[in-house]
Protein backbone atom coordinates (compact mmCIF):
# COMPACT_ATOMS: atom_id res chain seq x y z
CA UNK A 1 120.56 54.14 115.75
CA UNK A 2 120.56 50.57 117.06
CA UNK A 3 123.92 48.99 117.84
CA UNK A 4 125.08 45.55 118.98
CA UNK A 5 128.48 44.41 120.26
CA UNK A 6 129.61 40.76 120.51
CA UNK A 7 132.92 38.91 120.37
CA UNK A 8 133.58 37.13 117.09
CA UNK A 9 132.74 33.42 116.92
CA UNK A 10 133.79 30.70 114.50
CA UNK A 11 130.95 29.98 112.05
CA UNK A 12 128.36 30.90 114.71
CA UNK A 13 124.77 29.69 115.02
CA UNK A 14 121.86 31.40 113.28
CA UNK A 15 120.99 33.52 116.32
CA UNK A 16 124.27 35.39 115.86
CA UNK A 17 123.19 36.46 112.37
CA UNK A 18 119.69 37.30 113.55
CA UNK A 19 121.36 39.57 116.10
CA UNK A 20 123.47 41.28 113.43
CA UNK A 21 120.40 41.71 111.24
CA UNK A 22 118.46 43.34 114.09
CA UNK A 23 120.82 46.33 114.45
CA UNK A 24 122.09 49.16 112.26
CA UNK A 25 125.73 48.74 113.25
CA UNK A 26 127.38 45.65 114.69
CA UNK A 27 130.76 45.73 116.43
CA UNK A 28 133.06 42.74 116.84
CA UNK A 29 134.43 43.10 120.38
CA UNK A 30 137.85 41.83 119.33
CA UNK A 31 140.17 43.66 121.73
CA UNK A 32 139.01 41.65 124.75
CA UNK A 33 140.98 38.85 126.39
CA UNK A 34 140.92 35.60 124.45
CA UNK A 35 139.20 32.78 126.37
CA UNK A 36 140.07 29.12 125.87
CA UNK A 37 137.39 26.49 125.32
CA UNK A 38 134.92 29.07 124.07
CA UNK A 39 133.09 29.85 120.81
CA UNK A 40 135.94 32.03 119.52
CA UNK A 41 137.66 29.16 117.71
CA UNK A 42 135.12 26.37 117.49
CA UNK A 43 131.54 25.40 116.71
CA UNK A 44 129.47 22.28 116.25
CA UNK A 45 128.28 20.30 113.26
CA UNK A 46 125.61 17.60 113.31
CA UNK A 47 126.68 14.05 112.39
CA UNK A 48 125.01 10.61 112.44
CA UNK A 49 126.80 10.04 115.77
CA UNK A 50 125.60 13.32 117.29
CA UNK A 51 127.14 16.77 117.58
CA UNK A 52 130.84 17.14 116.78
CA UNK A 53 133.17 20.07 117.36
CA UNK A 54 135.06 21.78 114.55
CA UNK A 55 137.98 23.51 116.25
CA UNK A 56 140.54 25.93 114.80
CA UNK A 57 143.91 25.45 116.57
CA UNK A 58 145.46 28.68 117.85
CA UNK A 59 148.68 29.78 119.54
CA UNK A 60 147.74 30.50 123.13
CA UNK A 61 150.79 32.03 124.80
CA UNK A 62 149.48 34.06 127.74
CA UNK A 63 146.21 34.70 129.54
CA UNK A 64 146.33 38.40 128.76
CA UNK A 65 146.41 38.02 124.97
CA UNK A 66 143.53 39.60 123.07
CA UNK A 67 141.23 37.96 120.53
CA UNK A 68 142.66 40.16 117.79
CA UNK A 69 146.18 39.05 118.78
CA UNK A 70 145.47 35.31 118.83
CA UNK A 71 147.24 33.70 115.88
CA UNK A 72 145.98 30.62 114.10
CA UNK A 73 148.16 27.49 114.19
CA UNK A 74 148.62 26.23 110.63
CA UNK A 75 151.02 23.42 111.58
CA UNK A 76 147.99 21.11 111.31
CA UNK A 77 145.85 21.17 108.16
CA UNK A 78 142.64 21.98 110.02
CA UNK A 79 141.16 23.62 106.92
CA UNK A 80 141.11 20.31 105.05
CA UNK A 81 139.81 18.58 108.17
CA UNK A 82 136.87 20.99 108.44
CA UNK A 83 136.09 20.75 104.73
CA UNK A 84 136.17 16.95 105.04
CA UNK A 85 133.71 17.11 107.94
CA UNK A 86 131.41 19.34 105.91
CA UNK A 87 131.56 16.98 102.93
CA UNK A 88 131.06 13.88 105.08
CA UNK A 89 128.16 15.10 107.21
CA UNK A 90 126.48 17.78 105.09
CA UNK A 91 127.38 16.34 101.69
CA UNK A 92 123.87 14.96 101.16
CA UNK A 93 122.27 18.33 101.93
CA UNK A 94 120.86 20.09 98.84
CA UNK A 95 122.84 23.32 99.27
CA UNK A 96 126.18 22.12 100.63
CA UNK A 97 127.87 23.75 97.61
CA UNK A 98 126.71 27.12 98.96
CA UNK A 99 128.53 26.40 102.22
CA UNK A 100 131.70 25.57 100.34
CA UNK A 101 131.32 28.80 98.39
CA UNK A 102 131.30 30.74 101.66
CA UNK A 103 134.10 29.03 103.58
CA UNK A 104 136.61 27.94 100.94
CA UNK A 105 137.72 31.43 99.77
CA UNK A 106 138.24 32.54 103.38
CA UNK A 107 140.16 29.37 104.22
CA UNK A 108 142.33 29.83 101.12
CA UNK A 109 143.19 33.42 102.12
CA UNK A 110 144.85 31.98 105.25
CA UNK A 111 143.95 34.68 107.83
CA UNK A 112 146.65 35.28 110.43
CA UNK A 113 144.42 35.55 113.52
CA UNK A 114 141.24 33.94 114.76
CA UNK A 115 139.62 37.37 114.70
CA UNK A 116 140.44 37.85 111.01
CA UNK A 117 139.17 34.35 110.18
CA UNK A 118 135.91 34.76 112.10
CA UNK A 119 135.18 38.21 110.72
CA UNK A 120 135.90 37.07 107.16
CA UNK A 121 133.55 34.10 107.49
CA UNK A 122 130.83 36.18 109.15
CA UNK A 123 131.06 38.89 106.48
CA UNK A 124 130.77 36.27 103.72
CA UNK A 125 127.79 34.66 105.45
CA UNK A 126 126.09 38.03 105.87
CA UNK A 127 126.43 38.66 102.14
CA UNK A 128 124.86 35.27 101.42
CA UNK A 129 121.96 35.98 103.80
CA UNK A 130 121.43 39.49 102.43
CA UNK A 131 122.35 41.20 105.70
CA UNK A 132 123.48 44.78 105.07
CA UNK A 133 124.28 45.86 108.65
CA UNK A 134 127.43 47.98 109.01
CA UNK A 135 130.22 45.90 110.60
CA UNK A 136 132.98 47.43 112.71
CA UNK A 137 135.68 46.23 115.13
CA UNK A 138 136.14 47.57 118.65
CA UNK A 139 139.89 47.74 118.09
CA UNK A 140 139.18 50.63 115.72
CA UNK A 141 138.29 52.74 118.77
CA UNK A 142 140.35 53.81 121.75
CA UNK A 143 138.13 52.48 124.49
CA UNK A 144 138.37 53.12 128.21
CA UNK A 145 136.94 51.43 131.29
CA UNK A 146 135.58 47.92 131.73
CA UNK A 147 132.26 46.15 131.18
CA UNK A 148 129.35 48.63 131.17
CA UNK A 149 131.57 51.71 131.14
CA UNK A 150 133.51 50.38 128.17
CA UNK A 151 130.31 49.55 126.27
CA UNK A 152 128.84 52.99 126.85
CA UNK A 153 132.09 54.61 125.69
CA UNK A 154 131.88 52.62 122.45
CA UNK A 155 128.17 53.28 121.97
CA UNK A 156 128.73 56.99 122.47
CA UNK A 157 131.48 56.93 119.83
CA UNK A 158 129.01 55.27 117.46
CA UNK A 159 126.25 57.83 118.23
CA UNK A 160 124.02 54.90 119.14
CA UNK A 161 120.60 55.60 120.65
CA UNK A 162 119.76 51.95 121.45
CA UNK A 163 122.00 49.12 122.62
CA UNK A 164 120.83 45.60 121.81
CA UNK A 165 122.40 43.01 124.09
CA UNK A 166 122.31 39.26 124.42
CA UNK A 167 120.16 38.01 127.32
CA UNK A 168 123.13 36.59 129.25
CA UNK A 169 124.45 40.12 129.83
CA UNK A 170 121.65 40.83 132.32
CA UNK A 171 123.86 39.30 134.99
CA UNK A 172 126.57 41.95 134.72
CA UNK A 173 125.30 45.06 132.93
CA UNK A 174 124.62 48.16 135.00
CA UNK A 175 121.29 48.97 133.36
CA UNK A 176 120.91 52.36 135.02
CA UNK A 177 124.16 53.53 133.43
CA UNK A 178 122.58 53.23 130.00
CA UNK A 179 119.64 55.36 131.10
CA UNK A 180 122.01 57.96 132.51
CA UNK A 181 123.85 58.02 129.17
CA UNK A 182 120.60 58.48 127.26
CA UNK A 183 120.86 55.07 125.57
CA UNK A 184 117.93 52.66 125.50
CA UNK A 185 118.74 49.04 126.35
CA UNK A 186 117.14 45.97 124.78
CA UNK A 187 117.76 42.27 125.33
CA UNK A 188 117.58 40.06 122.25
CA UNK A 189 115.45 36.95 122.37
CA UNK A 190 115.96 33.80 120.33
CA UNK A 191 113.07 31.58 119.21
CA UNK A 192 113.26 29.88 115.82
CA UNK A 193 111.30 27.53 113.62
CA UNK A 194 112.76 24.13 112.91
CA UNK A 195 113.93 23.33 109.39
CA UNK A 196 114.62 20.11 107.43
CA UNK A 197 117.83 18.63 108.80
CA UNK A 198 119.84 15.44 108.41
CA UNK A 199 120.63 12.87 111.08
CA UNK A 200 117.71 12.37 113.44
CA UNK A 201 115.82 14.76 115.75
CA UNK A 202 116.22 18.46 115.12
CA UNK A 203 119.15 20.20 116.81
CA UNK A 204 119.27 23.99 116.69
CA UNK A 205 122.52 24.62 118.57
CA UNK A 206 124.76 24.12 115.54
CA UNK A 207 126.76 26.29 113.16
CA UNK A 208 124.96 28.43 110.57
CA UNK A 209 126.44 26.18 107.88
CA UNK A 210 123.90 23.48 108.81
CA UNK A 211 120.99 25.83 108.06
CA UNK A 212 122.54 27.03 104.80
CA UNK A 213 123.43 23.51 103.62
CA UNK A 214 119.89 22.30 104.21
CA UNK A 215 117.85 25.35 103.19
CA UNK A 216 120.03 27.46 100.90
CA UNK A 217 118.64 30.94 100.09
CA UNK A 218 115.59 30.24 102.28
CA UNK A 219 117.94 30.46 105.28
CA UNK A 220 117.57 34.26 105.17
CA UNK A 221 113.98 33.94 106.36
CA UNK A 222 114.79 31.29 108.96
CA UNK A 223 117.24 33.41 110.98
CA UNK A 224 114.43 35.70 112.17
CA UNK A 225 113.35 35.06 115.78
CA UNK A 226 109.67 34.32 116.27
CA UNK A 227 109.79 36.36 119.48
CA UNK A 228 110.55 40.08 119.58
CA UNK A 229 113.30 41.67 121.66
CA UNK A 230 112.46 42.15 125.32
CA UNK A 231 113.13 45.86 125.70
CA UNK A 232 114.35 47.60 128.81
CA UNK A 233 112.57 50.84 127.93
CA UNK A 234 109.68 51.11 130.35
CA UNK A 235 111.71 52.34 133.32
CA UNK A 236 113.65 54.72 131.11
CA UNK A 237 110.50 56.35 129.77
CA UNK A 238 108.87 56.48 133.17
CA UNK A 239 111.89 58.05 134.85
């Protein structure tokens, strides 16, 4: 069984959904420390003036607080602000109503934490894209250790045979530990076709809502990387 583990992001880019679609079970790593100025509570939308951040305000009280503990700040009506940005900058896109259909019910449910908001939006987007991967949260498990040890503990609890990781993790994963645990390790690659998009030259590093607004149901075929995963399996099989 193939498994992937990533922290939840706010309306993430299409590569995030390609990653989910490439595994059998996907785990939101939500009991890690919350990091400011990251993708947890913000993403970008394309405008005539260039890329613009959509940020969800949160209550950040201490450096040790976890993603799943980070409460959303509703003292500002950020939900209306984000819907206004979508209407203003994606309103001329042919499928912007599909984006509203995804985000508005989650916004209206008023999730308490950034983790709940992100997971709700990602689940709704997966349904739209026809992604049937099983979704779990790391806080459902009693994990031990840090970094690689923690990941292997979780993968073992899932009965995973293959761990699919983002390429950035090469800098800190202890690859031999996966081999010792009998788990194959793969690094996901991201290479996508361009699609019709508003406001000048194509920009791929934007929220999934841009792809959906412009391509609608065809977005399901445009989240698939044109390059296959670079697998760390040769050394394991040769050992």
